[in-house]
Amino acid sequence: MVTPAPSTLRTRDVLWADVEDVYAAILTHPFLTGLADGTLPRESFRHYIVQDAHYLRGYARALAICAAKAPDEDGTVMFAEHAASAIAAERDLHAALMGELGSSPEEAALEPVAPTTQAYVSYLLATGYGGSFAEALGAVLPCYWIYARVGDELLARSSPDPLYARWIATYGSEEFQAVVDSVLDLTDRVGATLSDGENELLRRHFRRTSTYEWMFWDAGYRRETWPV
């Protein structure tokens, strides 16, 4: 249960305050500390990349739902473009990374979707289809925002592993931050129009999928598979 938010704060400030503990746990997770210092096992990184490719197919659909439910044409165009780039841009990144990991996107596509990946995507789509635009926005926002914060944080540490450094640079770039800023600006505008109950739902979904972000990196680190 989220606590009431002071009305003087921007929506983004309230949302981030809700997940500061989650973000702290993300930054100290061995997957990310291993990316930063170069000690992450390549097998864990490969597992993560494979699952991220599976995840992005669902995430693109969730963004398309946001485009359909957006409150204005600018929002529709923005999320439609992001849905396309979630497939195109990161598909290119994954292809390059998989090549260096001794595999290919075609091989990765044949590997099973792991439990956390399926649960996260199912949550995004269920929230998007069944909820309001604000709920759908709250669900997709952590994947934008937390990645930008992580990229910025790890970029300052400069991983000694060139493969990991390339991944970090993608999300620590000014170009990616500009994309995230546009979504945060919309979040503030939409949040200012919501009732208390609607804002609580926005915050609840944001908290839940922020937790899924931690779980996704944890699943990659453990190379999660189905238990039976």
C-alpha atoms as a PDB file:
ATOM      1  CA  MET A   1       0.000   0.000   0.000  1.00  0.00           C
ATOM      2  CA  VAL A   2       1.521   3.314  -1.030  1.00  0.00           C
ATOM      3  CA  THR A   3       1.375   6.245   1.356  1.00  0.00           C
ATOM      4  CA  PRO A   4      -0.376   9.529   0.500  1.00  0.00           C
ATOM      5  CA  ALA A   5       1.769  11.909  -1.545  1.00  0.00           C
ATOM      6  CA  PRO A   6       2.185  15.639  -0.891  1.00  0.00           C
ATOM      7  CA  SER A   7       0.361  17.533  -3.659  1.00  0.00           C
ATOM      8  CA  THR A   8       3.265  19.974  -4.137  1.00  0.00           C
ATOM      9  CA  LEU A   9       5.579  17.306  -5.563  1.00  0.00           C
ATOM     10  CA  ARG A  10       5.810  16.375  -9.210  1.00  0.00           C
ATOM     11  CA  THR A  11       4.479  12.919 -10.021  1.00  0.00           C
ATOM     12  CA  ARG A  12       7.971  11.722 -10.957  1.00  0.00           C
ATOM     13  CA  ASP A  13       9.289  12.773  -7.529  1.00  0.00           C
ATOM     14  CA  VAL A  14       6.555  10.842  -5.746  1.00  0.00           C
ATOM     15  CA  LEU A  15       7.107   7.759  -7.892  1.00  0.00           C
ATOM     16  CA  TRP A  16      10.859   7.719  -7.340  1.00  0.00           C
ATOM     17  CA  ALA A  17      10.456   8.144  -3.585  1.00  0.00           C
ATOM     18  CA  ASP A  18       8.239   5.055  -3.646  1.00  0.00           C
ATOM     19  CA  VAL A  19      11.017   2.886  -5.122  1.00  0.00           C
ATOM     20  CA  GLU A  20      14.237   4.232  -3.644  1.00  0.00           C
ATOM     21  CA  ASP A  21      14.652   1.019  -1.662  1.00  0.00           C
ATOM     22  CA  VAL A  22      14.113  -1.098  -4.782  1.00  0.00           C
ATOM     23  CA  TYR A  23      16.634   0.955  -6.733  1.00  0.00           C
ATOM     24  CA  ALA A  24      19.200   0.636  -3.956  1.00  0.00           C
ATOM     25  CA  ALA A  25      18.771  -3.143  -4.093  1.00  0.00           C
ATOM     26  CA  ILE A  26      19.189  -3.060  -7.883  1.00  0.00           C
ATOM     27  CA  LEU A  27      22.464  -1.128  -7.714  1.00  0.00           C
ATOM     28  CA  THR A  28      23.958  -3.551  -5.211  1.00  0.00           C
ATOM     29  CA  HIS A  29      22.819  -6.704  -7.003  1.00  0.00           C
ATOM     30  CA  PRO A  30      25.786  -8.844  -8.128  1.00  0.00           C
ATOM     31  CA  PHE A  31      24.572  -8.784 -11.734  1.00  0.00           C
ATOM     32  CA  LEU A  32      25.068  -5.024 -11.917  1.00  0.00           C
ATOM     33  CA  THR A  33      28.136  -4.827  -9.714  1.00  0.00           C
ATOM     34  CA  GLY A  34      29.593  -7.568 -11.912  1.00  0.00           C
ATOM     35  CA  LEU A  35      28.822  -5.555 -15.028  1.00  0.00           C
ATOM     36  CA  ALA A  36      30.569  -2.567 -13.486  1.00  0.00           C
ATOM     37  CA  ASP A  37      33.744  -4.359 -12.408  1.00  0.00           C
ATOM     38  CA  GLY A  38      33.829  -6.901 -15.241  1.00  0.00           C
ATOM     39  CA  THR A  39      33.398  -9.994 -13.056  1.00  0.00           C
ATOM     40  CA  LEU A  40      29.874 -10.983 -14.190  1.00  0.00           C
ATOM     41  CA  PRO A  41      30.030 -14.491 -15.718  1.00  0.00           C
ATOM     42  CA  ARG A  42      29.449 -14.409 -19.456  1.00  0.00           C
ATOM     43  CA  GLU A  43      26.895 -17.211 -19.079  1.00  0.00           C
ATOM     44  CA  SER A  44      24.768 -14.964 -16.866  1.00  0.00           C
ATOM     45  CA  PHE A  45      25.037 -12.064 -19.295  1.00  0.00           C
ATOM     46  CA  ARG A  46      24.086 -14.292 -22.212  1.00  0.00           C
ATOM     47  CA  HIS A  47      21.047 -15.593 -20.293  1.00  0.00           C
ATOM     48  CA  TYR A  48      20.010 -12.018 -19.593  1.00  0.00           C
ATOM     49  CA  ILE A  49      20.387 -10.974 -23.242  1.00  0.00           C
ATOM     50  CA  VAL A  50      18.319 -13.943 -24.452  1.00  0.00           C
ATOM     51  CA  GLN A  51      15.550 -13.192 -21.969  1.00  0.00           C
ATOM     52  CA  ASP A  52      15.698  -9.474 -22.736  1.00  0.00           C
ATOM     53  CA  ALA A  53      15.022 -10.257 -26.392  1.00  0.00           C
ATOM     54  CA  HIS A  54      11.951 -12.261 -25.358  1.00  0.00           C
ATOM     55  CA  TYR A  55      10.889  -9.500 -22.968  1.00  0.00           C
ATOM     56  CA  LEU A  56      11.180  -6.714 -25.532  1.00  0.00           C
ATOM     57  CA  ARG A  57       8.656  -8.352 -27.825  1.00  0.00           C
ATOM     58  CA  GLY A  58       6.092  -8.092 -25.042  1.00  0.00           C
ATOM     59  CA  TYR A  59       7.283  -4.665 -23.937  1.00  0.00           C
ATOM     60  CA  ALA A  60       6.789  -3.334 -27.458  1.00  0.00           C
ATOM     61  CA  ARG A  61       3.178  -4.519 -27.336  1.00  0.00           C
ATOM     62  CA  ALA A  62       2.717  -2.817 -23.962  1.00  0.00           C
ATOM     63  CA  LEU A  63       4.041   0.427 -25.457  1.00  0.00           C
ATOM     64  CA  ALA A  64       1.650   0.046 -28.384  1.00  0.00           C
ATOM     65  CA  ILE A  65      -1.198  -0.165 -25.868  1.00  0.00           C
ATOM     66  CA  CYS A  66       0.059   3.070 -24.296  1.00  0.00           C
ATOM     67  CA  ALA A  67       0.027   4.633 -27.759  1.00  0.00           C
ATOM     68  CA  ALA A  68      -3.584   3.586 -28.275  1.00  0.00           C
ATOM     69  CA  LYS A  69      -4.672   4.917 -24.875  1.00  0.00           C
ATOM     70  CA  ALA A  70      -2.575   8.094 -24.799  1.00  0.00           C
ATOM     71  CA  PRO A  71      -4.485  11.270 -23.933  1.00  0.00           C
ATOM     72  CA  ASP A  72      -3.276  13.241 -26.974  1.00  0.00           C
ATOM     73  CA  GLU A  73      -1.729  12.812 -30.412  1.00  0.00           C
ATOM     74  CA  ASP A  74       1.774  13.631 -29.181  1.00  0.00           C
ATOM     75  CA  GLY A  75       1.577  10.791 -26.695  1.00  0.00           C
ATOM     76  CA  THR A  76       0.280   8.407 -29.331  1.00  0.00           C
ATOM     77  CA  VAL A  77       3.117   9.260 -31.708  1.00  0.00           C
ATOM     78  CA  MET A  78       5.742   9.045 -28.968  1.00  0.00           C
ATOM     79  CA  PHE A  79       4.740   5.614 -27.701  1.00  0.00           C
ATOM     80  CA  ALA A  80       4.223   4.256 -31.221  1.00  0.00           C
ATOM     81  CA  GLU A  81       7.772   5.324 -32.092  1.00  0.00           C
ATOM     82  CA  HIS A  82       9.095   3.817 -28.875  1.00  0.00           C
ATOM     83  CA  ALA A  83       7.303   0.537 -29.567  1.00  0.00           C
ATOM     84  CA  ALA A  84       9.024   0.336 -32.950  1.00  0.00           C
ATOM     85  CA  SER A  85      12.430   1.269 -31.578  1.00  0.00           C
ATOM     86  CA  ALA A  86      12.121  -1.239 -28.732  1.00  0.00           C
ATOM     87  CA  ILE A  87      12.185  -3.908 -31.414  1.00  0.00           C
ATOM     88  CA  ALA A  88      14.547  -2.353 -33.966  1.00  0.00           C
ATOM     89  CA  ALA A  89      17.266  -0.597 -31.992  1.00  0.00           C
ATOM     90  CA  GLU A  90      17.686  -3.156 -29.243  1.00  0.00           C
ATOM     91  CA  ARG A  91      17.392  -6.033 -31.734  1.00  0.00           C
ATOM     92  CA  ASP A  92      20.508  -4.638 -33.400  1.00  0.00           C
ATOM     93  CA  LEU A  93      22.262  -4.344 -30.033  1.00  0.00           C
ATOM     94  CA  HIS A  94      21.321  -7.909 -29.125  1.00  0.00           C
ATOM     95  CA  ALA A  95      22.549  -9.227 -32.472  1.00  0.00           C
ATOM     96  CA  ALA A  96      25.944  -7.610 -31.926  1.00  0.00           C
ATOM     97  CA  LEU A  97      26.191  -8.806 -28.334  1.00  0.00           C
ATOM     98  CA  MET A  98      25.063 -12.341 -29.155  1.00  0.00           C
ATOM     99  CA  GLY A  99      27.692 -12.537 -31.879  1.00  0.00           C
ATOM    100  CA  GLU A 100      30.402 -11.703 -29.384  1.00  0.00           C
ATOM    101  CA  LEU A 101      28.952 -14.268 -26.996  1.00  0.00           C
ATOM    102  CA  GLY A 102      29.336 -16.982 -29.638  1.00  0.00           C
ATOM    103  CA  SER A 103      25.661 -17.268 -30.505  1.00  0.00           C
ATOM    104  CA  SER A 104      23.019 -15.591 -32.669  1.00  0.00           C
ATOM    105  CA  PRO A 105      19.558 -14.003 -32.332  1.00  0.00           C
ATOM    106  CA  GLU A 106      18.104 -16.971 -34.214  1.00  0.00           C
ATOM    107  CA  GLU A 107      19.479 -19.416 -31.650  1.00  0.00           C
ATOM    108  CA  ALA A 108      18.318 -17.186 -28.805  1.00  0.00           C
ATOM    109  CA  ALA A 109      14.782 -17.038 -30.181  1.00  0.00           C
ATOM    110  CA  LEU A 110      14.498 -20.813 -29.835  1.00  0.00           C
ATOM    111  CA  GLU A 111      15.372 -20.786 -26.139  1.00  0.00           C
ATOM    112  CA  PRO A 112      12.473 -20.951 -23.632  1.00  0.00           C
ATOM    113  CA  VAL A 113      10.999 -17.868 -22.040  1.00  0.00           C
ATOM    114  CA  ALA A 114      12.025 -17.993 -18.369  1.00  0.00           C
ATOM    115  CA  PRO A 115       9.493 -17.711 -15.501  1.00  0.00           C
ATOM    116  CA  THR A 116      10.337 -14.141 -14.481  1.00  0.00           C
ATOM    117  CA  THR A 117      10.283 -12.956 -18.094  1.00  0.00           C
ATOM    118  CA  GLN A 118       6.853 -14.470 -18.660  1.00  0.00           C
ATOM    119  CA  ALA A 119       5.484 -13.091 -15.389  1.00  0.00           C
ATOM    120  CA  TYR A 120       6.799  -9.575 -16.075  1.00  0.00           C
ATOM    121  CA  VAL A 121       5.445  -9.443 -19.628  1.00  0.00           C
ATOM    122  CA  SER A 122       2.103 -10.885 -18.519  1.00  0.00           C
ATOM    123  CA  TYR A 123       1.804  -8.175 -15.879  1.00  0.00           C
ATOM    124  CA  LEU A 124       2.582  -5.423 -18.388  1.00  0.00           C
ATOM    125  CA  LEU A 125       0.018  -6.653 -20.893  1.00  0.00           C
ATOM    126  CA  ALA A 126      -2.694  -7.357 -18.328  1.00  0.00           C
ATOM    127  CA  THR A 127      -2.271  -3.874 -16.863  1.00  0.00           C
ATOM    128  CA  GLY A 128      -2.230  -2.268 -20.292  1.00  0.00           C
ATOM    129  CA  TYR A 129      -5.261  -4.040 -21.667  1.00  0.00           C
ATOM    130  CA  GLY A 130      -7.297  -3.955 -18.470  1.00  0.00           C
ATOM    131  CA  GLY A 131      -6.367  -0.599 -16.981  1.00  0.00           C
ATOM    132  CA  SER A 132      -6.395   3.091 -17.756  1.00  0.00           C
ATOM    133  CA  PHE A 133      -3.664   4.929 -19.608  1.00  0.00           C
ATOM    134  CA  ALA A 134      -2.186   6.033 -16.273  1.00  0.00           C
ATOM    135  CA  GLU A 135      -2.005   2.429 -15.105  1.00  0.00           C
ATOM    136  CA  ALA A 136      -0.372   1.307 -18.344  1.00  0.00           C
ATOM    137  CA  LEU A 137       2.086   4.199 -18.065  1.00  0.00           C
ATOM    138  CA  GLY A 138       2.970   3.304 -14.493  1.00  0.00           C
ATOM    139  CA  ALA A 139       3.699  -0.263 -15.551  1.00  0.00           C
ATOM    140  CA  VAL A 140       6.020   0.557 -18.486  1.00  0.00           C
ATOM    141  CA  LEU A 141       7.838   3.489 -16.885  1.00  0.00           C
ATOM    142  CA  PRO A 142      10.395   1.590 -14.744  1.00  0.00           C
ATOM    143  CA  CYS A 143      11.952  -0.078 -17.794  1.00  0.00           C
ATOM    144  CA  TYR A 144      12.696   3.384 -19.184  1.00  0.00           C
ATOM    145  CA  TRP A 145      13.686   5.177 -16.041  1.00  0.00           C
ATOM    146  CA  ILE A 146      15.577   2.572 -14.047  1.00  0.00           C
ATOM    147  CA  TYR A 147      17.673   1.632 -17.071  1.00  0.00           C
ATOM    148  CA  ALA A 148      18.609   5.279 -17.590  1.00  0.00           C
ATOM    149  CA  ARG A 149      19.562   5.663 -13.935  1.00  0.00           C
ATOM    150  CA  VAL A 150      21.531   2.412 -13.961  1.00  0.00           C
ATOM    151  CA  GLY A 151      23.263   3.353 -17.215  1.00  0.00           C
ATOM    152  CA  ASP A 152      24.280   6.723 -15.816  1.00  0.00           C
ATOM    153  CA  GLU A 153      25.494   5.181 -12.562  1.00  0.00           C
ATOM    154  CA  LEU A 154      27.541   2.423 -14.198  1.00  0.00           C
ATOM    155  CA  LEU A 155      28.917   4.684 -16.934  1.00  0.00           C
ATOM    156  CA  ALA A 156      30.746   6.642 -14.247  1.00  0.00           C
ATOM    157  CA  ARG A 157      32.443   3.428 -13.097  1.00  0.00           C
ATOM    158  CA  SER A 158      33.673   2.511 -16.619  1.00  0.00           C
ATOM    159  CA  SER A 159      33.567  -1.299 -16.804  1.00  0.00           C
ATOM    160  CA  PRO A 160      36.903  -2.876 -17.796  1.00  0.00           C
ATOM    161  CA  ASP A 161      35.048  -5.427 -19.949  1.00  0.00           C
ATOM    162  CA  PRO A 162      34.451  -3.941 -23.442  1.00  0.00           C
ATOM    163  CA  LEU A 163      31.281  -6.002 -23.973  1.00  0.00           C
ATOM    164  CA  TYR A 164      29.734  -4.845 -20.711  1.00  0.00           C
ATOM    165  CA  ALA A 165      30.941  -1.291 -21.294  1.00  0.00           C
ATOM    166  CA  ARG A 166      29.064  -1.220 -24.612  1.00  0.00           C
ATOM    167  CA  TRP A 167      25.817  -2.305 -22.921  1.00  0.00           C
ATOM    168  CA  ILE A 168      26.288   0.327 -20.200  1.00  0.00           C
ATOM    169  CA  ALA A 169      26.999   3.065 -22.753  1.00  0.00           C
ATOM    170  CA  THR A 170      23.727   2.359 -24.556  1.00  0.00           C
ATOM    171  CA  TYR A 171      21.658   3.176 -21.488  1.00  0.00           C
ATOM    172  CA  GLY A 172      23.971   5.830 -20.108  1.00  0.00           C
ATOM    173  CA  SER A 173      23.821   7.867 -23.309  1.00  0.00           C
ATOM    174  CA  GLU A 174      22.335  11.339 -23.651  1.00  0.00           C
ATOM    175  CA  GLU A 175      20.115  10.025 -26.452  1.00  0.00           C
ATOM    176  CA  PHE A 176      18.487   7.453 -24.194  1.00  0.00           C
ATOM    177  CA  GLN A 177      18.104   9.987 -21.391  1.00  0.00           C
ATOM    178  CA  ALA A 178      16.276  12.322 -23.785  1.00  0.00           C
ATOM    179  CA  VAL A 179      13.799   9.531 -24.556  1.00  0.00           C
ATOM    180  CA  VAL A 180      13.240   8.929 -20.853  1.00  0.00           C
ATOM    181  CA  ASP A 181      12.819  12.644 -20.153  1.00  0.00           C
ATOM    182  CA  SER A 182      10.012  12.849 -22.702  1.00  0.00           C
ATOM    183  CA  VAL A 183       8.145  10.054 -20.930  1.00  0.00           C
ATOM    184  CA  LEU A 184       8.726  11.638 -17.518  1.00  0.00           C
ATOM    185  CA  ASP A 185       7.381  14.969 -18.776  1.00  0.00           C
ATOM    186  CA  LEU A 186       4.218  13.207 -19.914  1.00  0.00           C
ATOM    187  CA  THR A 187       4.021  11.402 -16.579  1.00  0.00           C
ATOM    188  CA  ASP A 188       4.046  14.709 -14.722  1.00  0.00           C
ATOM    189  CA  ARG A 189       1.348  16.171 -16.975  1.00  0.00           C
ATOM    190  CA  VAL A 190      -0.893  13.148 -16.658  1.00  0.00           C
ATOM    191  CA  GLY A 191      -0.286  12.776 -12.942  1.00  0.00           C
ATOM    192  CA  ALA A 192      -1.460  16.331 -12.296  1.00  0.00           C
ATOM    193  CA  THR A 193      -4.885  15.447 -13.744  1.00  0.00           C
ATOM    194  CA  LEU A 194      -5.505  12.255 -11.781  1.00  0.00           C
ATOM    195  CA  SER A 195      -7.689  11.698  -8.756  1.00  0.00           C
ATOM    196  CA  ASP A 196      -6.148  10.376  -5.560  1.00  0.00           C
ATOM    197  CA  GLY A 197      -7.379   6.884  -6.385  1.00  0.00           C
ATOM    198  CA  GLU A 198      -5.969   7.008  -9.901  1.00  0.00           C
ATOM    199  CA  ASN A 199      -2.623   8.253  -8.622  1.00  0.00           C
ATOM    200  CA  GLU A 200      -2.506   5.398  -6.128  1.00  0.00           C
ATOM    201  CA  LEU A 201      -2.980   2.891  -8.964  1.00  0.00           C
ATOM    202  CA  LEU A 202      -0.239   4.587 -10.989  1.00  0.00           C
ATOM    203  CA  ARG A 203       2.123   4.349  -8.034  1.00  0.00           C
ATOM    204  CA  ARG A 204       1.182   0.760  -7.263  1.00  0.00           C
ATOM    205  CA  HIS A 205       1.948  -0.425 -10.797  1.00  0.00           C
ATOM    206  CA  PHE A 206       5.185   1.570 -10.875  1.00  0.00           C
ATOM    207  CA  ARG A 207       6.322  -0.063  -7.656  1.00  0.00           C
ATOM    208  CA  ARG A 208       5.399  -3.530  -8.860  1.00  0.00           C
ATOM    209  CA  THR A 209       7.256  -3.356 -12.158  1.00  0.00           C
ATOM    210  CA  SER A 210      10.242  -1.677 -10.507  1.00  0.00           C
ATOM    211  CA  THR A 211      10.418  -4.829  -8.399  1.00  0.00           C
ATOM    212  CA  TYR A 212      10.168  -6.904 -11.565  1.00  0.00           C
ATOM    213  CA  GLU A 213      13.241  -5.056 -12.834  1.00  0.00           C
ATOM    214  CA  TRP A 214      15.222  -6.332  -9.834  1.00  0.00           C
ATOM    215  CA  MET A 215      13.802  -9.795 -10.385  1.00  0.00           C
ATOM    216  CA  PHE A 216      14.772  -9.745 -14.061  1.00  0.00           C
ATOM    217  CA  TRP A 217      18.437  -9.021 -13.322  1.00  0.00           C
ATOM    218  CA  ASP A 218      18.376 -11.568 -10.518  1.00  0.00           C
ATOM    219  CA  ALA A 219      16.948 -14.190 -12.881  1.00  0.00           C
ATOM    220  CA  GLY A 220      19.715 -13.437 -15.362  1.00  0.00           C
ATOM    221  CA  TYR A 221      22.368 -13.778 -12.693  1.00  0.00           C
ATOM    222  CA  ARG A 222      20.942 -17.148 -11.588  1.00  0.00           C
ATOM    223  CA  ARG A 223      20.324 -18.242 -15.211  1.00  0.00           C
ATOM    224  CA  GLU A 224      16.762 -19.013 -14.197  1.00  0.00           C
ATOM    225  CA  THR A 225      14.938 -21.949 -15.772  1.00  0.00           C
ATOM    226  CA  TRP A 226      11.614 -23.632 -15.125  1.00  0.00           C
ATOM    227  CA  PRO A 227      11.952 -25.899 -12.047  1.00  0.00           C
ATOM    228  CA  VAL A 228       9.976 -28.807 -13.521  1.00  0.00           C
END
